[in-house]
Structure formats: structure tokens, C-alpha cells
């Protein structure tokens, strides 16, 4: 039905937007990781999860 087609279109659009956001987030994380690596003069960073 037309309603199903519209819902499918909306889902596809949302999935595409989500994928774009994921790609951008990965890119930013890679850049940040490279910057941390460049600034690391023997200092080791340890990431810990915040509770709460």
C-alpha cells in the first residue's frame, strides 16, 4: 500500500542518515586517536568507563 511505501522510504532515509553519522563519528574518532598518538611522549593513556 501507499502507507507501506512511505514507511519504507522513511526507514531507508533514517538508515542512510544513521550510516552517515556513524561514518562521521568513526572519522572523528580516528583523527582524535592520531592526535593522541602524536602527543604521546611516553605517557600512556588508559581509558576507563565512568560509572553513573
C-alpha atoms as a PDB file:
ATOM      1  CA  UNK A   1       0.000   0.000   0.000  1.00  0.00           C
ATOM      2  CA  UNK A   2       0.989   3.646  -0.248  1.00  0.00           C
ATOM      3  CA  UNK A   3       1.361   3.825   3.533  1.00  0.00           C
ATOM      4  CA  UNK A   4       3.799   0.890   3.489  1.00  0.00           C
ATOM      5  CA  UNK A   5       5.823   2.512   0.712  1.00  0.00           C
ATOM      6  CA  UNK A   6       6.055   5.776   2.674  1.00  0.00           C
ATOM      7  CA  UNK A   7       7.076   3.925   5.834  1.00  0.00           C
ATOM      8  CA  UNK A   8       9.729   2.001   3.894  1.00  0.00           C
ATOM      9  CA  UNK A   9      11.053   5.233   2.375  1.00  0.00           C
ATOM     10  CA  UNK A  10      11.246   6.809   5.825  1.00  0.00           C
ATOM     11  CA  UNK A  11      13.086   3.778   7.220  1.00  0.00           C
ATOM     12  CA  UNK A  12      15.571   3.851   4.350  1.00  0.00           C
ATOM     13  CA  UNK A  13      16.166   7.572   4.866  1.00  0.00           C
ATOM     14  CA  UNK A  14      16.691   7.061   8.591  1.00  0.00           C
ATOM     15  CA  UNK A  15      19.103   4.185   7.955  1.00  0.00           C
ATOM     16  CA  UNK A  16      21.089   6.315   5.495  1.00  0.00           C
ATOM     17  CA  UNK A  17      21.275   9.196   7.986  1.00  0.00           C
ATOM     18  CA  UNK A  18      22.381   6.814  10.720  1.00  0.00           C
ATOM     19  CA  UNK A  19      25.083   5.315   8.494  1.00  0.00           C
ATOM     20  CA  UNK A  20      26.353   8.804   7.613  1.00  0.00           C
ATOM     21  CA  UNK A  21      26.503   9.749  11.295  1.00  0.00           C
ATOM     22  CA  UNK A  22      28.382   6.539  12.119  1.00  0.00           C
ATOM     23  CA  UNK A  23      30.899   7.210   9.325  1.00  0.00           C
ATOM     24  CA  UNK A  24      31.464  10.779  10.560  1.00  0.00           C
ATOM     25  CA  UNK A  25      31.860   9.592  14.155  1.00  0.00           C
ATOM     26  CA  UNK A  26      34.424   6.984  13.122  1.00  0.00           C
ATOM     27  CA  UNK A  27      36.338   9.594  11.131  1.00  0.00           C
ATOM     28  CA  UNK A  28      36.442  11.993  14.101  1.00  0.00           C
ATOM     29  CA  UNK A  29      37.499   9.173  16.440  1.00  0.00           C
ATOM     30  CA  UNK A  30      40.328   8.191  14.078  1.00  0.00           C
ATOM     31  CA  UNK A  31      41.560  11.802  13.912  1.00  0.00           C
ATOM     32  CA  UNK A  32      41.417  12.109  17.715  1.00  0.00           C
ATOM     33  CA  UNK A  33      43.273   8.825  18.082  1.00  0.00           C
ATOM     34  CA  UNK A  34      46.004  10.023  15.709  1.00  0.00           C
ATOM     35  CA  UNK A  35      46.328  13.317  17.633  1.00  0.00           C
ATOM     36  CA  UNK A  36      46.627  11.461  20.938  1.00  0.00           C
ATOM     37  CA  UNK A  37      49.274   9.205  19.416  1.00  0.00           C
ATOM     38  CA  UNK A  38      51.242  12.233  18.158  1.00  0.00           C
ATOM     39  CA  UNK A  39      51.044  13.993  21.533  1.00  0.00           C
ATOM     40  CA  UNK A  40      52.022  10.871  23.455  1.00  0.00           C
ATOM     41  CA  UNK A  41      55.602  11.430  24.614  1.00  0.00           C
ATOM     42  CA  UNK A  42      55.910   8.209  26.537  1.00  0.00           C
ATOM     43  CA  UNK A  43      52.788   8.933  28.568  1.00  0.00           C
ATOM     44  CA  UNK A  44      50.293   6.107  28.332  1.00  0.00           C
ATOM     45  CA  UNK A  45      46.613   6.934  28.495  1.00  0.00           C
ATOM     46  CA  UNK A  46      44.183   4.409  29.860  1.00  0.00           C
ATOM     47  CA  UNK A  47      40.529   4.838  29.038  1.00  0.00           C
ATOM     48  CA  UNK A  48      38.154   3.871  31.820  1.00  0.00           C
ATOM     49  CA  UNK A  49      34.396   3.681  31.791  1.00  0.00           C
ATOM     50  CA  UNK A  50      32.621   6.174  34.014  1.00  0.00           C
ATOM     51  CA  UNK A  51      30.038   4.583  36.260  1.00  0.00           C
ATOM     52  CA  UNK A  52      26.909   6.555  36.955  1.00  0.00           C
END
